[in-house]
C-alpha atoms as a PDB file:
ATOM      1  CA  MET A   1      39.839 179.707 118.605  1.00  0.00           C
ATOM      2  CA  TYR A   2      40.276 180.794 115.036  1.00  0.00           C
ATOM      3  CA  GLY A   3      38.341 183.868 113.798  1.00  0.00           C
ATOM      4  CA  ALA A   4      35.683 183.754 111.035  1.00  0.00           C
ATOM      5  CA  SER A   5      38.058 185.328 108.559  1.00  0.00           C
ATOM      6  CA  THR A   6      40.420 182.395 109.064  1.00  0.00           C
ATOM      7  CA  VAL A   7      37.717 179.855 108.211  1.00  0.00           C
ATOM      8  CA  ILE A   8      36.581 181.837 105.132  1.00  0.00           C
ATOM      9  CA  CYS A   9      40.189 182.107 103.956  1.00  0.00           C
ATOM     10  CA  ASN A  10      40.771 178.367 104.323  1.00  0.00           C
ATOM     11  CA  VAL A  11      37.551 177.587 102.387  1.00  0.00           C
ATOM     12  CA  ARG A  12      38.557 179.971  99.627  1.00  0.00           C
ATOM     13  CA  ARG A  13      42.088 178.452  99.570  1.00  0.00           C
ATOM     14  CA  SER A  14      40.680 174.947  99.115  1.00  0.00           C
ATOM     15  CA  ILE A  15      38.349 176.041  96.292  1.00  0.00           C
ATOM     16  CA  SER A  16      41.133 177.970  94.659  1.00  0.00           C
ATOM     17  CA  LEU A  17      43.515 174.962  94.792  1.00  0.00           C
ATOM     18  CA  VAL A  18      40.893 172.782  93.192  1.00  0.00           C
ATOM     19  CA  LEU A  19      40.127 175.317  90.406  1.00  0.00           C
ATOM     20  CA  ALA A  20      43.504 176.826  89.792  1.00  0.00           C
ATOM     21  CA  GLY A  21      46.021 174.124  90.690  1.00  0.00           C
ATOM     22  CA  LEU A  22      49.170 175.680  92.112  1.00  0.00           C
ATOM     23  CA  VAL A  23      47.957 179.306  91.974  1.00  0.00           C
ATOM     24  CA  GLY A  24      47.797 180.743  95.490  1.00  0.00           C
ATOM     25  CA  LEU A  25      44.969 182.955  96.868  1.00  0.00           C
ATOM     26  CA  THR A  26      45.394 186.726  97.110  1.00  0.00           C
ATOM     27  CA  GLY A  27      43.511 189.268  99.161  1.00  0.00           C
ATOM     28  CA  CYS A  28      42.773 186.749 101.833  1.00  0.00           C
ATOM     29  CA  SER A  29      42.964 188.246 105.263  1.00  0.00           C
ATOM     30  CA  VAL A  30      44.101 185.923 107.993  1.00  0.00           C
ATOM     31  CA  ASP A  31      43.235 186.186 111.604  1.00  0.00           C
ATOM     32  CA  ARG A  32      46.430 185.502 113.454  1.00  0.00           C
ATOM     33  CA  THR A  33      44.684 184.917 116.681  1.00  0.00           C
ATOM     34  CA  GLY A  34      46.114 181.782 118.259  1.00  0.00           C
ATOM     35  CA  LEU A  35      48.926 181.329 115.698  1.00  0.00           C
ATOM     36  CA  GLY A  36      51.694 182.627 117.908  1.00  0.00           C
ATOM     37  CA  ASP A  37      54.642 183.983 115.985  1.00  0.00           C
ATOM     38  CA  VAL A  38      53.683 182.384 112.705  1.00  0.00           C
ATOM     39  CA  ASP A  39      54.129 184.768 109.847  1.00  0.00           C
ATOM     40  CA  ALA A  40      50.758 185.155 108.208  1.00  0.00           C
ATOM     41  CA  GLY A  41      52.498 186.004 105.013  1.00  0.00           C
ATOM     42  CA  ALA A  42      54.578 182.855 104.920  1.00  0.00           C
ATOM     43  CA  PRO A  43      53.831 180.603 101.944  1.00  0.00           C
ATOM     44  CA  TYR A  44      51.876 177.466 102.527  1.00  0.00           C
ATOM     45  CA  ASP A  45      54.063 174.292 102.403  1.00  0.00           C
ATOM     46  CA  ALA A  46      52.027 171.606 100.754  1.00  0.00           C
ATOM     47  CA  GLY A  47      54.822 169.128 101.465  1.00  0.00           C
ATOM     48  CA  ALA A  48      54.677 169.578 105.176  1.00  0.00           C
ATOM     49  CA  MET A  49      53.527 166.587 107.172  1.00  0.00           C
ATOM     50  CA  ASP A  50      51.330 166.190 110.175  1.00  0.00           C
ATOM     51  CA  ALA A  51      53.397 166.535 113.321  1.00  0.00           C
ATOM     52  CA  ASP A  52      51.836 163.293 114.571  1.00  0.00           C
ATOM     53  CA  ALA A  53      52.949 161.283 111.486  1.00  0.00           C
ATOM     54  CA  ARG A  54      55.744 158.656 111.827  1.00  0.00           C
ATOM     55  CA  ILE A  55      58.855 159.001 109.660  1.00  0.00           C
ATOM     56  CA  GLU A  56      59.074 156.048 107.290  1.00  0.00           C
ATOM     57  CA  PRO A  57      62.406 154.920 105.697  1.00  0.00           C
ATOM     58  CA  PRO A  58      62.666 154.863 101.919  1.00  0.00           C
ATOM     59  CA  VAL A  59      61.443 151.736 100.267  1.00  0.00           C
ATOM     60  CA  ASP A  60      64.196 149.584  98.648  1.00  0.00           C
ATOM     61  CA  ALA A  61      62.589 147.500  95.936  1.00  0.00           C
ATOM     62  CA  GLY A  62      65.582 145.116  95.973  1.00  0.00           C
ATOM     63  CA  GLY A  63      65.545 144.493  99.713  1.00  0.00           C
ATOM     64  CA  THR A  64      63.722 141.829 101.672  1.00  0.00           C
ATOM     65  CA  ASP A  65      60.836 142.219 104.023  1.00  0.00           C
ATOM     66  CA  ALA A  66      62.194 143.374 107.395  1.00  0.00           C
ATOM     67  CA  ASP A  67      60.294 140.563 109.072  1.00  0.00           C
ATOM     68  CA  ALA A  68      61.641 137.899 106.708  1.00  0.00           C
ATOM     69  CA  GLY A  69      64.825 135.913 107.462  1.00  0.00           C
ATOM     70  CA  THR A  70      67.977 136.768 105.493  1.00  0.00           C
ATOM     71  CA  GLU A  71      68.627 134.144 102.802  1.00  0.00           C
ATOM     72  CA  PRO A  72      72.205 133.395 101.589  1.00  0.00           C
ATOM     73  CA  PRO A  73      72.947 133.725  97.890  1.00  0.00           C
ATOM     74  CA  VAL A  74      72.449 130.616  95.788  1.00  0.00           C
ATOM     75  CA  ASP A  75      75.682 128.931  94.595  1.00  0.00           C
ATOM     76  CA  ALA A  76      75.000 126.654  91.641  1.00  0.00           C
ATOM     77  CA  ASN A  77      78.302 124.796  92.303  1.00  0.00           C
ATOM     78  CA  LEU A  78      77.347 123.570  95.773  1.00  0.00           C
ATOM     79  CA  PRO A  79      76.750 119.791  96.009  1.00  0.00           C
ATOM     80  CA  ASP A  80      73.332 118.391  96.401  1.00  0.00           C
ATOM     81  CA  ALA A  81      72.271 118.238 100.025  1.00  0.00           C
ATOM     82  CA  GLY A  82      71.420 114.556  99.562  1.00  0.00           C
ATOM     83  CA  PRO A  83      73.283 111.464 100.986  1.00  0.00           C
ATOM     84  CA  GLY A  84      76.856 112.107 102.266  1.00  0.00           C
ATOM     85  CA  CYS A  85      78.329 108.796 101.009  1.00  0.00           C
ATOM     86  CA  THR A  86      77.664 105.870  98.715  1.00  0.00           C
ATOM     87  CA  PRO A  87      79.146 102.336  98.505  1.00  0.00           C
ATOM     88  CA  ALA A  88      81.703 103.777  96.077  1.00  0.00           C
ATOM     89  CA  HIS A  89      83.225 105.708  99.001  1.00  0.00           C
ATOM     90  CA  GLU A  90      83.798 102.573 101.106  1.00  0.00           C
ATOM     91  CA  ARG A  91      87.442 101.495 101.446  1.00  0.00           C
ATOM     92  CA  CYS A  92      90.218 100.289 103.778  1.00  0.00           C
ATOM     93  CA  ALA A  93      92.166 102.890 105.744  1.00  0.00           C
ATOM     94  CA  GLY A  94      95.036 101.051 107.419  1.00  0.00           C
ATOM     95  CA  ASN A  95      93.370  98.437 109.598  1.00  0.00           C
ATOM     96  CA  MET A  96      89.971 100.190 109.523  1.00  0.00           C
ATOM     97  CA  ARG A  97      86.916  99.655 107.342  1.00  0.00           C
ATOM     98  CA  MET A  98      85.407 102.919 106.042  1.00  0.00           C
ATOM     99  CA  VAL A  99      81.710 102.110 105.500  1.00  0.00           C
ATOM    100  CA  CYS A 100      78.493 104.004 104.872  1.00  0.00           C
ATOM    101  CA  VAL A 101      76.110 103.966 107.836  1.00  0.00           C
ATOM    102  CA  GLY A 102      72.958 105.719 106.701  1.00  0.00           C
ATOM    103  CA  ASP A 103      74.389 108.575 104.683  1.00  0.00           C
ATOM    104  CA  VAL A 104      77.537 109.040 106.825  1.00  0.00           C
ATOM    105  CA  LEU A 105      80.989 107.508 106.122  1.00  0.00           C
ATOM    106  CA  GLN A 106      82.161 105.912 109.376  1.00  0.00           C
ATOM    107  CA  SER A 107      85.245 103.903 110.448  1.00  0.00           C
ATOM    108  CA  GLU A 108      85.171 100.431 111.981  1.00  0.00           C
ATOM    109  CA  ASP A 109      88.362  98.834 113.380  1.00  0.00           C
ATOM    110  CA  CYS A 110      89.162  95.251 112.400  1.00  0.00           C
ATOM    111  CA  PRO A 111      89.928  92.898 115.337  1.00  0.00           C
ATOM    112  CA  ALA A 112      93.580  92.548 116.379  1.00  0.00           C
ATOM    113  CA  SER A 113      93.829  89.141 114.680  1.00  0.00           C
ATOM    114  CA  GLN A 114      92.481  90.498 111.374  1.00  0.00           C
ATOM    115  CA  HIS A 115      93.286  93.151 108.814  1.00  0.00           C
ATOM    116  CA  CYS A 116      91.287  95.077 106.229  1.00  0.00           C
ATOM    117  CA  GLU A 117      91.336  94.075 102.566  1.00  0.00           C
ATOM    118  CA  GLU A 118      89.271  95.402  99.673  1.00  0.00           C
ATOM    119  CA  LEU A 119      87.593  92.399  98.088  1.00  0.00           C
ATOM    120  CA  ALA A 120      85.367  92.977  95.049  1.00  0.00           C
ATOM    121  CA  GLY A 121      85.442  96.691  95.865  1.00  0.00           C
ATOM    122  CA  ALA A 122      84.238  96.263  99.459  1.00  0.00           C
ATOM    123  CA  PRO A 123      86.386  96.591 102.630  1.00  0.00           C
ATOM    124  CA  VAL A 124      86.406  93.274 104.521  1.00  0.00           C
ATOM    125  CA  CYS A 125      88.200  92.123 107.709  1.00  0.00           C
ATOM    126  CA  VAL A 126      90.192  88.920 107.032  1.00  0.00           C
ATOM    127  CA  ALA A 127      92.470  86.787 109.222  1.00  0.00           C
ATOM    128  CA  ASN A 128      96.144  87.834 109.547  1.00  0.00           C
ATOM    129  CA  ILE A 129      98.747  85.610 107.930  1.00  0.00           C
ATOM    130  CA  CYS A 130     101.504  86.908 110.247  1.00  0.00           C
ATOM    131  CA  THR A 131     102.034  89.035 113.356  1.00  0.00           C
ATOM    132  CA  PRO A 132     102.245  92.730 112.370  1.00  0.00           C
ATOM    133  CA  ASP A 133     105.855  94.051 112.268  1.00  0.00           C
ATOM    134  CA  ALA A 134     107.274  90.717 113.515  1.00  0.00           C
ATOM    135  CA  VAL A 135     110.501  89.280 112.051  1.00  0.00           C
ATOM    136  CA  ARG A 136     111.177  85.545 111.859  1.00  0.00           C
ATOM    137  CA  CYS A 137     113.547  83.152 110.118  1.00  0.00           C
ATOM    138  CA  SER A 138     112.519  80.904 107.277  1.00  0.00           C
ATOM    139  CA  ALA A 139     112.239  77.181 108.007  1.00  0.00           C
ATOM    140  CA  ASP A 140     115.662  76.465 106.487  1.00  0.00           C
ATOM    141  CA  GLY A 141     117.250  79.516 108.155  1.00  0.00           C
ATOM    142  CA  THR A 142     118.370  81.127 104.896  1.00  0.00           C
ATOM    143  CA  GLU A 143     115.949  84.091 104.903  1.00  0.00           C
ATOM    144  CA  ALA A 144     114.559  86.734 107.289  1.00  0.00           C
ATOM    145  CA  LEU A 145     110.805  87.255 106.909  1.00  0.00           C
ATOM    146  CA  THR A 146     109.316  90.578 108.026  1.00  0.00           C
ATOM    147  CA  CYS A 147     105.548  90.988 108.475  1.00  0.00           C
ATOM    148  CA  ASP A 148     103.957  94.252 107.325  1.00  0.00           C
ATOM    149  CA  ALA A 149     102.221  96.703 109.666  1.00  0.00           C
ATOM    150  CA  VAL A 150      98.780  95.065 109.411  1.00  0.00           C
ATOM    151  CA  GLY A 151      99.595  91.353 109.106  1.00  0.00           C
ATOM    152  CA  ALA A 152      98.649  90.994 105.447  1.00  0.00           C
ATOM    153  CA  GLY A 153     101.983  89.710 104.104  1.00  0.00           C
ATOM    154  CA  GLU A 154     105.713  89.150 104.606  1.00  0.00           C
ATOM    155  CA  SER A 155     108.767  90.460 102.800  1.00  0.00           C
ATOM    156  CA  ARG A 156     111.746  88.111 102.423  1.00  0.00           C
ATOM    157  CA  VAL A 157     115.459  88.920 102.589  1.00  0.00           C
ATOM    158  CA  ALA A 158     118.125  86.324 101.808  1.00  0.00           C
ATOM    159  CA  CYS A 159     120.667  85.865 104.622  1.00  0.00           C
ATOM    160  CA  SER A 160     124.062  84.890 103.230  1.00  0.00           C
ATOM    161  CA  ARG A 161     125.364  83.930 106.695  1.00  0.00           C
ATOM    162  CA  GLY A 162     122.050  82.592 107.990  1.00  0.00           C
ATOM    163  CA  CYS A 163     119.139  83.943 110.007  1.00  0.00           C
ATOM    164  CA  ASP A 164     119.255  83.992 113.800  1.00  0.00           C
ATOM    165  CA  ALA A 165     116.891  85.409 116.463  1.00  0.00           C
ATOM    166  CA  GLY A 166     114.573  87.008 113.971  1.00  0.00           C
ATOM    167  CA  GLY A 167     117.047  88.561 111.543  1.00  0.00           C
ATOM    168  CA  CYS A 168     120.024  88.043 109.282  1.00  0.00           C
ATOM    169  CA  ARG A 169     123.261  87.427 111.173  1.00  0.00           C
ATOM    170  CA  ARG A 170     125.455  90.464 111.092  1.00  0.00           C
ATOM    171  CA  LEU A 171     128.854  90.472 109.454  1.00  0.00           C
ATOM    172  CA  THR A 172     131.486  89.246 111.904  1.00  0.00           C
ATOM    173  CA  PRO A 173     134.172  91.925 112.269  1.00  0.00           C
ATOM    174  CA  CYS A 174     137.768  91.144 111.422  1.00  0.00           C
ATOM    175  CA  GLY A 175     140.874  93.269 111.849  1.00  0.00           C
ATOM    176  CA  ALA A 176     143.025  91.079 109.626  1.00  0.00           C
ATOM    177  CA  ALA A 177     143.340  91.386 105.858  1.00  0.00           C
ATOM    178  CA  ILE A 178     140.549  89.518 104.051  1.00  0.00           C
ATOM    179  CA  LEU A 179     141.271  88.365 100.511  1.00  0.00           C
ATOM    180  CA  ALA A 180     137.636  87.697  99.684  1.00  0.00           C
ATOM    181  CA  THR A 181     134.193  87.029 101.190  1.00  0.00           C
ATOM    182  CA  MET A 182     132.310  84.144  99.600  1.00  0.00           C
ATOM    183  CA  SER A 183     129.824  81.331 100.206  1.00  0.00           C
ATOM    184  CA  SER A 184     130.560  79.315  97.068  1.00  0.00           C
ATOM    185  CA  GLY A 185     132.599  79.393  93.882  1.00  0.00           C
ATOM    186  CA  THR A 186     136.262  79.394  92.920  1.00  0.00           C
ATOM    187  CA  ILE A 187     138.931  81.979  93.661  1.00  0.00           C
ATOM    188  CA  ARG A 188     142.486  81.975  92.328  1.00  0.00           C
ATOM    189  CA  VAL A 189     145.091  82.497  95.054  1.00  0.00           C
ATOM    190  CA  ASP A 190     148.748  83.414  94.550  1.00  0.00           C
ATOM    191  CA  LEU A 191     150.695  82.581  97.718  1.00  0.00           C
ATOM    192  CA  CYS A 192     153.988  83.997  96.478  1.00  0.00           C
ATOM    193  CA  GLY A 193     154.582  87.240  98.365  1.00  0.00           C
ATOM    194  CA  ALA A 194     151.298  86.933 100.291  1.00  0.00           C
ATOM    195  CA  GLY A 195     153.021  87.319 103.672  1.00  0.00           C
ATOM    196  CA  THR A 196     153.077  85.118 106.756  1.00  0.00           C
ATOM    197  CA  ASP A 197     150.276  86.646 108.818  1.00  0.00           C
ATOM    198  CA  GLN A 198     148.520  83.652 110.405  1.00  0.00           C
ATOM    199  CA  GLU A 199     149.418  80.497 112.313  1.00  0.00           C
ATOM    200  CA  HIS A 200     147.519  77.276 112.896  1.00  0.00           C
ATOM    201  CA  THR A 201     147.445  75.359 116.165  1.00  0.00           C
ATOM    202  CA  ALA A 202     149.565  72.370 117.161  1.00  0.00           C
ATOM    203  CA  ALA A 203     146.547  70.190 116.415  1.00  0.00           C
ATOM    204  CA  CYS A 204     147.256  70.546 112.715  1.00  0.00           C
ATOM    205  CA  PRO A 205     149.388  67.790 111.099  1.00  0.00           C
ATOM    206  CA  TRP A 206     153.000  68.812 110.668  1.00  0.00           C
ATOM    207  CA  PRO A 207     152.575  71.979 112.753  1.00  0.00           C
ATOM    208  CA  GLU A 208     156.264  72.814 112.820  1.00  0.00           C
ATOM    209  CA  GLN A 209     156.520  73.206 109.052  1.00  0.00           C
ATOM    210  CA  SER A 210     153.760  75.732 108.137  1.00  0.00           C
ATOM    211  CA  PRO A 211     153.736  78.741 110.512  1.00  0.00           C
ATOM    212  CA  ALA A 212     156.294  80.700 108.492  1.00  0.00           C
ATOM    213  CA  GLY A 213     154.656  79.996 105.097  1.00  0.00           C
ATOM    214  CA  GLU A 214     152.759  82.531 103.001  1.00  0.00           C
ATOM    215  CA  ASP A 215     148.982  82.597 103.692  1.00  0.00           C
ATOM    216  CA  VAL A 216     145.721  84.329 102.770  1.00  0.00           C
ATOM    217  CA  MET A 217     142.391  84.521 104.624  1.00  0.00           C
ATOM    218  CA  ILE A 218     138.913  84.081 103.107  1.00  0.00           C
ATOM    219  CA  ARG A 219     135.698  85.026 104.938  1.00  0.00           C
ATOM    220  CA  LEU A 220     133.297  82.088 104.470  1.00  0.00           C
ATOM    221  CA  GLU A 221     129.533  82.731 104.750  1.00  0.00           C
ATOM    222  CA  VAL A 222     127.304  79.755 105.560  1.00  0.00           C
ATOM    223  CA  ASP A 223     123.527  80.348 105.346  1.00  0.00           C
ATOM    224  CA  ARG A 224     122.350  77.110 107.025  1.00  0.00           C
ATOM    225  CA  ARG A 225     123.733  73.919 108.452  1.00  0.00           C
ATOM    226  CA  ARG A 226     125.156  72.019 105.525  1.00  0.00           C
ATOM    227  CA  ALA A 227     128.041  69.936 104.248  1.00  0.00           C
ATOM    228  CA  ILE A 228     130.607  71.883 102.224  1.00  0.00           C
ATOM    229  CA  ARG A 229     133.318  70.598  99.957  1.00  0.00           C
ATOM    230  CA  PHE A 230     136.686  72.405 100.141  1.00  0.00           C
ATOM    231  CA  GLN A 231     139.303  72.104  97.395  1.00  0.00           C
ATOM    232  CA  ALA A 232     142.736  73.758  97.127  1.00  0.00           C
ATOM    233  CA  LEU A 233     144.263  72.603  93.838  1.00  0.00           C
ATOM    234  CA  GLN A 234     147.580  73.667  92.315  1.00  0.00           C
ATOM    235  CA  TYR A 235     147.176  75.854  89.240  1.00  0.00           C
ATOM    236  CA  SER A 236     150.808  76.781  88.578  1.00  0.00           C
ATOM    237  CA  GLY A 237     154.159  77.206  90.304  1.00  0.00           C
ATOM    238  CA  PRO A 238     157.851  76.656  89.884  1.00  0.00           C
ATOM    239  CA  GLU A 239     157.617  73.657  92.187  1.00  0.00           C
ATOM    240  CA  THR A 240     154.958  71.556  93.874  1.00  0.00           C
ATOM    241  CA  ILE A 241     152.622  73.573  96.111  1.00  0.00           C
ATOM    242  CA  ASP A 242     151.531  71.723  99.246  1.00  0.00           C
ATOM    243  CA  PRO A 243     148.804  73.812 100.954  1.00  0.00           C
ATOM    244  CA  THR A 244     147.599  73.587 104.546  1.00  0.00           C
ATOM    245  CA  VAL A 245     143.950  74.605 105.063  1.00  0.00           C
ATOM    246  CA  TYR A 246     142.366  75.501 108.427  1.00  0.00           C
ATOM    247  CA  LEU A 247     139.178  77.164 109.646  1.00  0.00           C
ATOM    248  CA  ARG A 248     138.540  79.635 112.508  1.00  0.00           C
ATOM    249  CA  SER A 249     135.403  81.138 114.020  1.00  0.00           C
ATOM    250  CA  ALA A 250     137.263  84.371 114.924  1.00  0.00           C
ATOM    251  CA  CYS A 251     139.606  85.766 112.314  1.00  0.00           C
ATOM    252  CA  GLU A 252     142.504  86.827 114.574  1.00  0.00           C
ATOM    253  CA  ASP A 253     142.168  84.174 117.257  1.00  0.00           C
ATOM    254  CA  MET A 254     144.300  81.086 116.658  1.00  0.00           C
ATOM    255  CA  ASP A 255     142.540  79.317 119.522  1.00  0.00           C
ATOM    256  CA  SER A 256     139.182  79.587 117.685  1.00  0.00           C
ATOM    257  CA  GLU A 257     140.472  77.064 115.125  1.00  0.00           C
ATOM    258  CA  ILE A 258     137.789  74.456 114.326  1.00  0.00           C
ATOM    259  CA  TRP A 259     139.753  72.055 112.130  1.00  0.00           C
ATOM    260  CA  CYS A 260     142.954  71.864 110.101  1.00  0.00           C
ATOM    261  CA  ARG A 261     143.681  69.846 106.961  1.00  0.00           C
ATOM    262  CA  GLU A 262     147.089  68.774 105.702  1.00  0.00           C
ATOM    263  CA  ASP A 263     147.020  65.789 103.420  1.00  0.00           C
ATOM    264  CA  THR A 264     150.435  64.139 103.580  1.00  0.00           C
ATOM    265  CA  LEU A 265     149.691  61.650 100.782  1.00  0.00           C
ATOM    266  CA  VAL A 266     149.070  64.136  97.968  1.00  0.00           C
ATOM    267  CA  GLN A 267     149.743  67.846  97.593  1.00  0.00           C
ATOM    268  CA  ASP A 268     146.165  68.987  96.679  1.00  0.00           C
ATOM    269  CA  GLU A 269     143.531  69.323  99.387  1.00  0.00           C
ATOM    270  CA  ASP A 270     139.997  67.969  98.765  1.00  0.00           C
ATOM    271  CA  PHE A 271     137.689  67.261 101.722  1.00  0.00           C
ATOM    272  CA  VAL A 272     134.138  67.775 103.111  1.00  0.00           C
ATOM    273  CA  GLU A 273     133.132  69.378 106.421  1.00  0.00           C
ATOM    274  CA  THR A 274     129.676  70.098 107.896  1.00  0.00           C
ATOM    275  CA  LEU A 275     129.181  73.606 109.303  1.00  0.00           C
ATOM    276  CA  ASP A 276     126.439  75.479 111.132  1.00  0.00           C
ATOM    277  CA  PRO A 277     125.252  78.840 109.742  1.00  0.00           C
ATOM    278  CA  GLY A 278     127.412  81.896 110.363  1.00  0.00           C
ATOM    279  CA  ASP A 279     130.730  83.511 109.431  1.00  0.00           C
ATOM    280  CA  TYR A 280     134.000  81.535 109.327  1.00  0.00           C
ATOM    281  CA  PHE A 281     137.556  82.412 108.391  1.00  0.00           C
ATOM    282  CA  LEU A 282     139.324  80.005 106.037  1.00  0.00           C
ATOM    283  CA  VAL A 283     143.114  80.243 105.933  1.00  0.00           C
ATOM    284  CA  ILE A 284     145.050  78.901 102.928  1.00  0.00           C
ATOM    285  CA  ASP A 285     148.647  78.420 104.130  1.00  0.00           C
ATOM    286  CA  ARG A 286     151.806  77.078 102.485  1.00  0.00           C
ATOM    287  CA  HIS A 287     153.209  73.874 103.935  1.00  0.00           C
ATOM    288  CA  GLU A 288     156.952  74.424 103.799  1.00  0.00           C
ATOM    289  CA  ARG A 289     158.987  71.324 103.269  1.00  0.00           C
ATOM    290  CA  VAL A 290     161.714  70.096 100.956  1.00  0.00           C
ATOM    291  CA  GLY A 291     160.598  70.003  97.338  1.00  0.00           C
ATOM    292  CA  THR A 292     157.680  72.453  97.724  1.00  0.00           C
ATOM    293  CA  SER A 293     157.297  76.134  96.962  1.00  0.00           C
ATOM    294  CA  CYS A 294     154.807  78.980  96.810  1.00  0.00           C
ATOM    295  CA  GLY A 295     152.650  79.348  93.725  1.00  0.00           C
ATOM    296  CA  VAL A 296     149.063  79.735  92.433  1.00  0.00           C
ATOM    297  CA  LEU A 297     146.131  77.679  93.711  1.00  0.00           C
ATOM    298  CA  ASP A 298     142.468  77.446  92.742  1.00  0.00           C
ATOM    299  CA  VAL A 299     140.396  77.371  95.924  1.00  0.00           C
ATOM    300  CA  THR A 300     136.853  76.064  95.362  1.00  0.00           C
ATOM    301  CA  ILE A 301     133.972  76.083  97.901  1.00  0.00           C
ATOM    302  CA  THR A 302     130.945  73.958  97.038  1.00  0.00           C
ATOM    303  CA  PRO A 303     127.887  73.819  99.370  1.00  0.00           C
ATOM    304  CA  MET A 304     126.262  70.377  99.224  1.00  0.00           C
END
């Protein structure tokens, strides 16, 4: 228990602090009874705190209440948190309709027999006009038609040798020399010095007279079954030119001969044959006989 002098000193200290501010008391005797090793002469620390007081962190005026949730900073460039799509976002994506359901852009597949088209700005499923990715021949067999990936339309490619089994017929290979490839028109042919490369069959009129004559081969392309006019007319030469004309389905195979023409009444050849679509090999040969020679011919092919 503190002594009386301690109480008197504390009362005087309080009065003195009130009257004199920061001026400390002098001549105050302190009873050290019960103070342990505390130095009675030690200055009084007005800043000291009660040992039972809780230490509080410094207050940050810019911080948030510790109990409040942390809020992210506001970005003025962020979009409004309103609807996620509008009719302006609706469109076709391949064979799907992209449509707004509520405020969410969702995809809806068109049925297998339909495709998506944007009509008046809206994606709509409409009936296919062809089978997606399918290839077919045109009605007359002169074109290959290829459907697009969704069945909305067909691209067309002309087939110079006809369309077969869903595509243009491929070029028939030939190991022999080809003078020209054509389906119509006129080509000038000089048989002099052309060489004696081909032979016709015994079915051709006067077969014994032509095998050694000069000849040229033309690849003939036929796009559909049709009649074709063939003409081999003399253009110039030192003597009369009497051509023999025959047609093969295989360029180097004499046995593939389809027909042979040798008009014994006049020297020029002018005739009509009907052919199916495909590649053919037309041989213009010199008919060797007394009074004839090599020379220049105009060969004309006219589809009818």
